[in-house]
All heavy atoms as atom14 arrays in JSON, in Angstrom:
{
  "sequence": "VRALAIFVVVAIASVVRADPAPRPNVLIIVSDDMGWNGI",
  "atom14_mask": [
    [1, 1, 1, 1, 1, 1, 1, 0, 0, 0, 0, 0, 0, 0],
    [1, 1, 1, 1, 1, 1, 1, 1, 1, 1, 1, 0, 0, 0],
    [1, 1, 1, 1, 1, 0, 0, 0, 0, 0, 0, 0, 0, 0],
    [1, 1, 1, 1, 1, 1, 1, 1, 0, 0, 0, 0, 0, 0],
    [1, 1, 1, 1, 1, 0, 0, 0, 0, 0, 0, 0, 0, 0],
    [1, 1, 1, 1, 1, 1, 1, 1, 0, 0, 0, 0, 0, 0],
    [1, 1, 1, 1, 1, 1, 1, 1, 1, 1, 1, 0, 0, 0],
    [1, 1, 1, 1, 1, 1, 1, 0, 0, 0, 0, 0, 0, 0],
    [1, 1, 1, 1, 1, 1, 1, 0, 0, 0, 0, 0, 0, 0],
    [1, 1, 1, 1, 1, 1, 1, 0, 0, 0, 0, 0, 0, 0],
    [1, 1, 1, 1, 1, 0, 0, 0, 0, 0, 0, 0, 0, 0],
    [1, 1, 1, 1, 1, 1, 1, 1, 0, 0, 0, 0, 0, 0],
    [1, 1, 1, 1, 1, 0, 0, 0, 0, 0, 0, 0, 0, 0],
    [1, 1, 1, 1, 1, 1, 0, 0, 0, 0, 0, 0, 0, 0],
    [1, 1, 1, 1, 1, 1, 1, 0, 0, 0, 0, 0, 0, 0],
    [1, 1, 1, 1, 1, 1, 1, 0, 0, 0, 0, 0, 0, 0],
    [1, 1, 1, 1, 1, 1, 1, 1, 1, 1, 1, 0, 0, 0],
    [1, 1, 1, 1, 1, 0, 0, 0, 0, 0, 0, 0, 0, 0],
    [1, 1, 1, 1, 1, 1, 1, 1, 0, 0, 0, 0, 0, 0],
    [1, 1, 1, 1, 1, 1, 1, 0, 0, 0, 0, 0, 0, 0],
    [1, 1, 1, 1, 1, 0, 0, 0, 0, 0, 0, 0, 0, 0],
    [1, 1, 1, 1, 1, 1, 1, 0, 0, 0, 0, 0, 0, 0],
    [1, 1, 1, 1, 1, 1, 1, 1, 1, 1, 1, 0, 0, 0],
    [1, 1, 1, 1, 1, 1, 1, 0, 0, 0, 0, 0, 0, 0],
    [1, 1, 1, 1, 1, 1, 1, 1, 0, 0, 0, 0, 0, 0],
    [1, 1, 1, 1, 1, 1, 1, 0, 0, 0, 0, 0, 0, 0],
    [1, 1, 1, 1, 1, 1, 1, 1, 0, 0, 0, 0, 0, 0],
    [1, 1, 1, 1, 1, 1, 1, 1, 0, 0, 0, 0, 0, 0],
    [1, 1, 1, 1, 1, 1, 1, 1, 0, 0, 0, 0, 0, 0],
    [1, 1, 1, 1, 1, 1, 1, 0, 0, 0, 0, 0, 0, 0],
    [1, 1, 1, 1, 1, 1, 0, 0, 0, 0, 0, 0, 0, 0],
    [1, 1, 1, 1, 1, 1, 1, 1, 0, 0, 0, 0, 0, 0],
    [1, 1, 1, 1, 1, 1, 1, 1, 0, 0, 0, 0, 0, 0],
    [1, 1, 1, 1, 1, 1, 1, 1, 0, 0, 0, 0, 0, 0],
    [1, 1, 1, 1, 0, 0, 0, 0, 0, 0, 0, 0, 0, 0],
    [1, 1, 1, 1, 1, 1, 1, 1, 1, 1, 1, 1, 1, 1],
    [1, 1, 1, 1, 1, 1, 1, 1, 0, 0, 0, 0, 0, 0],
    [1, 1, 1, 1, 0, 0, 0, 0, 0, 0, 0, 0, 0, 0],
    [1, 1, 1, 1, 1, 1, 1, 1, 0, 0, 0, 0, 0, 0]
  ],
  "atom14_positions": [
    [[70.2, 75.69, 102.47], [70.3, 74.87, 103.66], [69.44, 73.62, 103.54], [69.87, 72.53, 103.88], [69.86, 75.68, 104.91], [69.9, 74.81, 106.15], [70.78, 76.88, 105.08], [0.0, 0.0, 0.0], [0.0, 0.0, 0.0], [0.0, 0.0, 0.0], [0.0, 0.0, 0.0], [0.0, 0.0, 0.0], [0.0, 0.0, 0.0], [0.0, 0.0, 0.0]],
    [[68.21, 73.77, 103.04], [67.32, 72.62, 102.96], [67.64, 71.72, 101.78], [67.2, 70.59, 101.72], [65.88, 73.09, 102.87], [65.42, 73.84, 104.11], [64.01, 74.35, 103.95], [63.61, 75.18, 105.08], [62.48, 75.84, 105.14], [61.63, 75.77, 104.13], [62.18, 76.58, 106.18], [0.0, 0.0, 0.0], [0.0, 0.0, 0.0], [0.0, 0.0, 0.0]],
    [[68.38, 72.24, 100.82], [68.69, 71.45, 99.64], [69.95, 70.64, 99.81], [70.16, 69.66, 99.1], [68.84, 72.37, 98.42], [0.0, 0.0, 0.0], [0.0, 0.0, 0.0], [0.0, 0.0, 0.0], [0.0, 0.0, 0.0], [0.0, 0.0, 0.0], [0.0, 0.0, 0.0], [0.0, 0.0, 0.0], [0.0, 0.0, 0.0], [0.0, 0.0, 0.0]],
    [[70.82, 71.05, 100.71], [72.12, 70.41, 100.8], [72.48, 70.14, 102.24], [72.38, 70.99, 103.08], [73.19, 71.34, 100.17], [74.62, 70.81, 100.19], [74.73, 69.57, 99.34], [75.57, 71.88, 99.69], [0.0, 0.0, 0.0], [0.0, 0.0, 0.0], [0.0, 0.0, 0.0], [0.0, 0.0, 0.0], [0.0, 0.0, 0.0], [0.0, 0.0, 0.0]],
    [[72.88, 68.91, 102.52], [73.31, 68.57, 103.87], [74.55, 67.72, 103.78], [74.64, 66.82, 102.96], [72.22, 67.81, 104.61], [0.0, 0.0, 0.0], [0.0, 0.0, 0.0], [0.0, 0.0, 0.0], [0.0, 0.0, 0.0], [0.0, 0.0, 0.0], [0.0, 0.0, 0.0], [0.0, 0.0, 0.0], [0.0, 0.0, 0.0], [0.0, 0.0, 0.0]],
    [[75.54, 68.01, 104.61], [76.73, 67.17, 104.67], [76.45, 65.95, 105.54], [76.76, 64.83, 105.18], [77.92, 67.97, 105.21], [78.19, 69.19, 104.32], [79.16, 67.09, 105.27], [78.47, 68.87, 102.88], [0.0, 0.0, 0.0], [0.0, 0.0, 0.0], [0.0, 0.0, 0.0], [0.0, 0.0, 0.0], [0.0, 0.0, 0.0], [0.0, 0.0, 0.0]],
    [[75.85, 66.15, 106.69], [75.45, 65.04, 107.54], [73.97, 65.23, 107.86], [73.53, 66.3, 108.24], [76.28, 64.99, 108.83], [77.71, 64.69, 108.57], [78.64, 65.72, 108.44], [78.15, 63.39, 108.43], [79.96, 65.45, 108.17], [79.47, 63.12, 108.17], [80.38, 64.14, 108.05], [0.0, 0.0, 0.0], [0.0, 0.0, 0.0], [0.0, 0.0, 0.0]],
    [[73.18, 64.15, 107.71], [71.74, 64.31, 107.69], [71.03, 63.4, 108.68], [69.94, 62.94, 108.42], [71.21, 64.04, 106.27], [71.61, 65.13, 105.32], [71.64, 62.68, 105.78], [0.0, 0.0, 0.0], [0.0, 0.0, 0.0], [0.0, 0.0, 0.0], [0.0, 0.0, 0.0], [0.0, 0.0, 0.0], [0.0, 0.0, 0.0], [0.0, 0.0, 0.0]],
    [[71.64, 63.15, 109.82], [71.0, 62.3, 110.8], [69.65, 62.87, 111.22], [68.63, 62.18, 111.26], [71.9, 62.12, 112.04], [71.19, 61.31, 113.11], [73.2, 61.44, 111.64], [0.0, 0.0, 0.0], [0.0, 0.0, 0.0], [0.0, 0.0, 0.0], [0.0, 0.0, 0.0], [0.0, 0.0, 0.0], [0.0, 0.0, 0.0], [0.0, 0.0, 0.0]],
    [[69.61, 64.16, 111.53], [68.36, 64.79, 111.93], [67.37, 64.81, 110.79], [66.18, 64.55, 110.97], [68.62, 66.22, 112.45], [67.3, 66.91, 112.77], [69.49, 66.17, 113.7], [0.0, 0.0, 0.0], [0.0, 0.0, 0.0], [0.0, 0.0, 0.0], [0.0, 0.0, 0.0], [0.0, 0.0, 0.0], [0.0, 0.0, 0.0], [0.0, 0.0, 0.0]],
    [[67.86, 65.11, 109.59], [66.97, 65.17, 108.42], [66.35, 63.81, 108.13], [65.16, 63.71, 107.81], [67.75, 65.67, 107.21], [0.0, 0.0, 0.0], [0.0, 0.0, 0.0], [0.0, 0.0, 0.0], [0.0, 0.0, 0.0], [0.0, 0.0, 0.0], [0.0, 0.0, 0.0], [0.0, 0.0, 0.0], [0.0, 0.0, 0.0], [0.0, 0.0, 0.0]],
    [[67.15, 62.74, 108.25], [66.62, 61.41, 107.98], [65.5, 61.09, 108.98], [64.45, 60.57, 108.64], [67.73, 60.36, 108.07], [68.78, 60.6, 106.98], [67.16, 58.96, 107.94], [68.23, 60.59, 105.59], [0.0, 0.0, 0.0], [0.0, 0.0, 0.0], [0.0, 0.0, 0.0], [0.0, 0.0, 0.0], [0.0, 0.0, 0.0], [0.0, 0.0, 0.0]],
    [[65.73, 61.43, 110.25], [64.72, 61.16, 111.26], [63.42, 61.89, 110.95], [62.32, 61.36, 111.15], [65.23, 61.58, 112.64], [0.0, 0.0, 0.0], [0.0, 0.0, 0.0], [0.0, 0.0, 0.0], [0.0, 0.0, 0.0], [0.0, 0.0, 0.0], [0.0, 0.0, 0.0], [0.0, 0.0, 0.0], [0.0, 0.0, 0.0], [0.0, 0.0, 0.0]],
    [[63.51, 63.08, 110.41], [62.32, 63.88, 110.15], [61.55, 63.39, 108.94], [60.32, 63.51, 108.9], [62.7, 65.35, 109.97], [63.41, 65.53, 108.76], [0.0, 0.0, 0.0], [0.0, 0.0, 0.0], [0.0, 0.0, 0.0], [0.0, 0.0, 0.0], [0.0, 0.0, 0.0], [0.0, 0.0, 0.0], [0.0, 0.0, 0.0], [0.0, 0.0, 0.0]],
    [[62.23, 62.83, 107.95], [61.51, 62.43, 106.75], [60.95, 61.02, 106.85], [60.03, 60.65, 106.13], [62.41, 62.52, 105.5], [62.86, 63.94, 105.28], [63.6, 61.58, 105.57], [0.0, 0.0, 0.0], [0.0, 0.0, 0.0], [0.0, 0.0, 0.0], [0.0, 0.0, 0.0], [0.0, 0.0, 0.0], [0.0, 0.0, 0.0], [0.0, 0.0, 0.0]],
    [[61.47, 60.21, 107.77], [60.99, 58.84, 107.89], [59.69, 58.78, 108.69], [58.88, 57.91, 108.51], [62.07, 57.94, 108.52], [61.51, 56.56, 108.85], [63.25, 57.8, 107.58], [0.0, 0.0, 0.0], [0.0, 0.0, 0.0], [0.0, 0.0, 0.0], [0.0, 0.0, 0.0], [0.0, 0.0, 0.0], [0.0, 0.0, 0.0], [0.0, 0.0, 0.0]],
    [[59.46, 59.75, 109.58], [58.25, 59.71, 110.41], [57.0, 59.93, 109.55], [57.06, 60.45, 108.44], [58.33, 60.78, 111.49], [58.18, 62.21, 110.97], [58.12, 63.2, 112.12], [57.83, 64.53, 111.64], [58.76, 65.44, 111.43], [60.02, 65.15, 111.64], [58.42, 66.65, 111.0], [0.0, 0.0, 0.0], [0.0, 0.0, 0.0], [0.0, 0.0, 0.0]],
    [[55.88, 59.51, 110.1], [54.6, 59.69, 109.39], [54.21, 61.16, 109.49], [53.68, 61.62, 110.51], [53.54, 58.81, 110.01], [0.0, 0.0, 0.0], [0.0, 0.0, 0.0], [0.0, 0.0, 0.0], [0.0, 0.0, 0.0], [0.0, 0.0, 0.0], [0.0, 0.0, 0.0], [0.0, 0.0, 0.0], [0.0, 0.0, 0.0], [0.0, 0.0, 0.0]],
    [[54.44, 61.9, 108.45], [54.22, 63.34, 108.48], [53.64, 63.74, 107.13], [54.23, 63.45, 106.09], [55.56, 64.06, 108.72], [55.37, 65.56, 108.99], [54.33, 66.1, 108.56], [56.25, 66.16, 109.6], [0.0, 0.0, 0.0], [0.0, 0.0, 0.0], [0.0, 0.0, 0.0], [0.0, 0.0, 0.0], [0.0, 0.0, 0.0], [0.0, 0.0, 0.0]],
    [[52.49, 64.43, 107.1], [51.87, 64.78, 105.83], [52.6, 65.89, 105.08], [52.3, 66.16, 103.92], [50.48, 65.25, 106.24], [50.66, 65.74, 107.66], [51.69, 64.83, 108.26], [0.0, 0.0, 0.0], [0.0, 0.0, 0.0], [0.0, 0.0, 0.0], [0.0, 0.0, 0.0], [0.0, 0.0, 0.0], [0.0, 0.0, 0.0], [0.0, 0.0, 0.0]],
    [[53.57, 66.57, 105.73], [54.28, 67.66, 105.07], [55.1, 67.12, 103.91], [55.54, 65.97, 103.91], [55.19, 68.36, 106.08], [0.0, 0.0, 0.0], [0.0, 0.0, 0.0], [0.0, 0.0, 0.0], [0.0, 0.0, 0.0], [0.0, 0.0, 0.0], [0.0, 0.0, 0.0], [0.0, 0.0, 0.0], [0.0, 0.0, 0.0], [0.0, 0.0, 0.0]],
    [[55.34, 67.94, 102.87], [56.15, 67.49, 101.74], [57.54, 67.08, 102.19], [58.16, 67.73, 103.04], [56.21, 68.74, 100.84], [55.02, 69.54, 101.22], [54.82, 69.3, 102.69], [0.0, 0.0, 0.0], [0.0, 0.0, 0.0], [0.0, 0.0, 0.0], [0.0, 0.0, 0.0], [0.0, 0.0, 0.0], [0.0, 0.0, 0.0], [0.0, 0.0, 0.0]],
    [[58.02, 66.0, 101.63], [59.34, 65.51, 102.0], [60.42, 66.34, 101.3], [60.3, 66.65, 100.12], [59.51, 64.05, 101.59], [58.47, 63.1, 102.18], [58.63, 62.98, 103.67], [57.94, 61.81, 104.18], [57.01, 61.84, 105.13], [56.66, 63.0, 105.64], [56.44, 60.74, 105.55], [0.0, 0.0, 0.0], [0.0, 0.0, 0.0], [0.0, 0.0, 0.0]],
    [[61.49, 66.68, 101.99], [62.58, 67.41, 101.33], [63.44, 66.48, 100.48], [63.56, 65.29, 100.78], [63.39, 67.96, 102.51], [63.19, 66.92, 103.59], [61.77, 66.44, 103.42], [0.0, 0.0, 0.0], [0.0, 0.0, 0.0], [0.0, 0.0, 0.0], [0.0, 0.0, 0.0], [0.0, 0.0, 0.0], [0.0, 0.0, 0.0], [0.0, 0.0, 0.0]],
    [[64.01, 67.0, 99.43], [65.06, 66.27, 98.73], [66.29, 66.24, 99.62], [66.55, 67.19, 100.37], [65.4, 66.94, 97.4], [64.23, 66.92, 96.45], [63.59, 65.91, 96.25], [63.93, 68.09, 95.87], [0.0, 0.0, 0.0], [0.0, 0.0, 0.0], [0.0, 0.0, 0.0], [0.0, 0.0, 0.0], [0.0, 0.0, 0.0], [0.0, 0.0, 0.0]],
    [[67.05, 65.14, 99.57], [68.22, 64.99, 100.43], [69.45, 64.76, 99.57], [69.48, 63.85, 98.72], [68.05, 63.8, 101.41], [69.3, 63.64, 102.28], [66.83, 64.01, 102.29], [0.0, 0.0, 0.0], [0.0, 0.0, 0.0], [0.0, 0.0, 0.0], [0.0, 0.0, 0.0], [0.0, 0.0, 0.0], [0.0, 0.0, 0.0], [0.0, 0.0, 0.0]],
    [[70.46, 65.6, 99.78], [71.72, 65.48, 99.06], [72.87, 65.46, 100.07], [72.98, 66.37, 100.9], [71.9, 66.65, 98.1], [73.27, 66.83, 97.44], [73.6, 65.65, 96.55], [73.31, 68.14, 96.65], [0.0, 0.0, 0.0], [0.0, 0.0, 0.0], [0.0, 0.0, 0.0], [0.0, 0.0, 0.0], [0.0, 0.0, 0.0], [0.0, 0.0, 0.0]],
    [[73.69, 64.43, 100.03], [74.88, 64.34, 100.86], [76.1, 64.42, 99.95], [76.21, 63.66, 98.99], [74.93, 63.03, 101.66], [73.69, 62.87, 102.53], [76.2, 62.98, 102.52], [73.66, 61.55, 103.28], [0.0, 0.0, 0.0], [0.0, 0.0, 0.0], [0.0, 0.0, 0.0], [0.0, 0.0, 0.0], [0.0, 0.0, 0.0], [0.0, 0.0, 0.0]],
    [[77.0, 65.33, 100.25], [78.26, 65.46, 99.49], [79.42, 65.14, 100.42], [79.51, 65.72, 101.51], [78.42, 66.87, 98.9], [77.29, 67.18, 97.92], [79.77, 67.0, 98.21], [77.34, 68.58, 97.35], [0.0, 0.0, 0.0], [0.0, 0.0, 0.0], [0.0, 0.0, 0.0], [0.0, 0.0, 0.0], [0.0, 0.0, 0.0], [0.0, 0.0, 0.0]],
    [[80.28, 64.24, 100.01], [81.43, 63.84, 100.81], [82.7, 64.04, 100.0], [82.76, 63.63, 98.83], [81.31, 62.36, 101.24], [82.55, 61.91, 102.0], [80.07, 62.16, 102.11], [0.0, 0.0, 0.0], [0.0, 0.0, 0.0], [0.0, 0.0, 0.0], [0.0, 0.0, 0.0], [0.0, 0.0, 0.0], [0.0, 0.0, 0.0], [0.0, 0.0, 0.0]],
    [[83.69, 64.67, 100.6], [85.02, 64.72, 99.98], [85.88, 63.62, 100.58], [85.52, 63.03, 101.6], [85.68, 66.09, 100.2], [85.88, 66.31, 101.59], [0.0, 0.0, 0.0], [0.0, 0.0, 0.0], [0.0, 0.0, 0.0], [0.0, 0.0, 0.0], [0.0, 0.0, 0.0], [0.0, 0.0, 0.0], [0.0, 0.0, 0.0], [0.0, 0.0, 0.0]],
    [[87.01, 63.34, 99.98], [87.82, 62.19, 100.37], [89.21, 62.64, 100.81], [90.01, 63.09, 99.99], [87.92, 61.22, 99.19], [88.42, 59.85, 99.59], [88.8, 59.67, 100.76], [88.44, 58.96, 98.73], [0.0, 0.0, 0.0], [0.0, 0.0, 0.0], [0.0, 0.0, 0.0], [0.0, 0.0, 0.0], [0.0, 0.0, 0.0], [0.0, 0.0, 0.0]],
    [[89.49, 62.54, 102.09], [90.81, 62.89, 102.65], [91.12, 64.37, 102.55], [92.28, 64.76, 102.38], [91.93, 62.08, 101.97], [92.06, 60.68, 102.54], [91.16, 60.28, 103.31], [93.04, 60.0, 102.23], [0.0, 0.0, 0.0], [0.0, 0.0, 0.0], [0.0, 0.0, 0.0], [0.0, 0.0, 0.0], [0.0, 0.0, 0.0], [0.0, 0.0, 0.0]],
    [[90.13, 65.22, 102.68], [90.39, 66.65, 102.67], [90.88, 67.09, 104.05], [90.26, 66.75, 105.07], [89.12, 67.43, 102.31], [89.34, 68.95, 102.26], [87.81, 69.84, 101.89], [87.55, 69.37, 100.18], [0.0, 0.0, 0.0], [0.0, 0.0, 0.0], [0.0, 0.0, 0.0], [0.0, 0.0, 0.0], [0.0, 0.0, 0.0], [0.0, 0.0, 0.0]],
    [[91.96, 67.84, 104.08], [92.49, 68.32, 105.34], [91.7, 69.48, 105.9], [91.03, 70.21, 105.18], [0.0, 0.0, 0.0], [0.0, 0.0, 0.0], [0.0, 0.0, 0.0], [0.0, 0.0, 0.0], [0.0, 0.0, 0.0], [0.0, 0.0, 0.0], [0.0, 0.0, 0.0], [0.0, 0.0, 0.0], [0.0, 0.0, 0.0], [0.0, 0.0, 0.0]],
    [[91.77, 69.64, 107.22], [91.04, 70.72, 107.89], [91.39, 72.08, 107.32], [90.54, 72.95, 107.17], [91.37, 70.67, 109.38], [90.73, 71.76, 110.19], [91.29, 72.94, 110.56], [89.42, 71.76, 110.73], [90.4, 73.68, 111.3], [89.23, 72.99, 111.42], [88.36, 70.85, 110.7], [88.05, 73.32, 112.06], [87.18, 71.18, 111.35], [87.04, 72.4, 112.02]],
    [[92.68, 72.28, 107.0], [93.12, 73.6, 106.51], [93.18, 73.65, 104.98], [93.83, 74.52, 104.42], [94.49, 73.97, 107.09], [95.59, 73.08, 106.56], [95.34, 71.94, 106.16], [96.81, 73.57, 106.56], [0.0, 0.0, 0.0], [0.0, 0.0, 0.0], [0.0, 0.0, 0.0], [0.0, 0.0, 0.0], [0.0, 0.0, 0.0], [0.0, 0.0, 0.0]],
    [[92.46, 72.76, 104.32], [92.47, 72.76, 102.86], [91.32, 73.52, 102.25], [91.18, 73.54, 101.02], [0.0, 0.0, 0.0], [0.0, 0.0, 0.0], [0.0, 0.0, 0.0], [0.0, 0.0, 0.0], [0.0, 0.0, 0.0], [0.0, 0.0, 0.0], [0.0, 0.0, 0.0], [0.0, 0.0, 0.0], [0.0, 0.0, 0.0], [0.0, 0.0, 0.0]],
    [[90.48, 74.14, 103.08], [89.3, 74.84, 102.58], [89.28, 76.27, 103.07], [89.86, 76.61, 104.11], [88.0, 74.12, 103.01], [88.03, 73.78, 104.5], [87.78, 72.87, 102.18], [86.83, 73.03, 104.98], [0.0, 0.0, 0.0], [0.0, 0.0, 0.0], [0.0, 0.0, 0.0], [0.0, 0.0, 0.0], [0.0, 0.0, 0.0], [0.0, 0.0, 0.0]]
  ]
}
């Protein structure tokens, strides 16, 4: 969960703030024109 995010709006907000905690790596994976019933 912490290694992979499809949409990371919340994650971006958390890593940009001034926070001494270790920053997570961020990975966004996007497919192109995949249909709802194709998975």
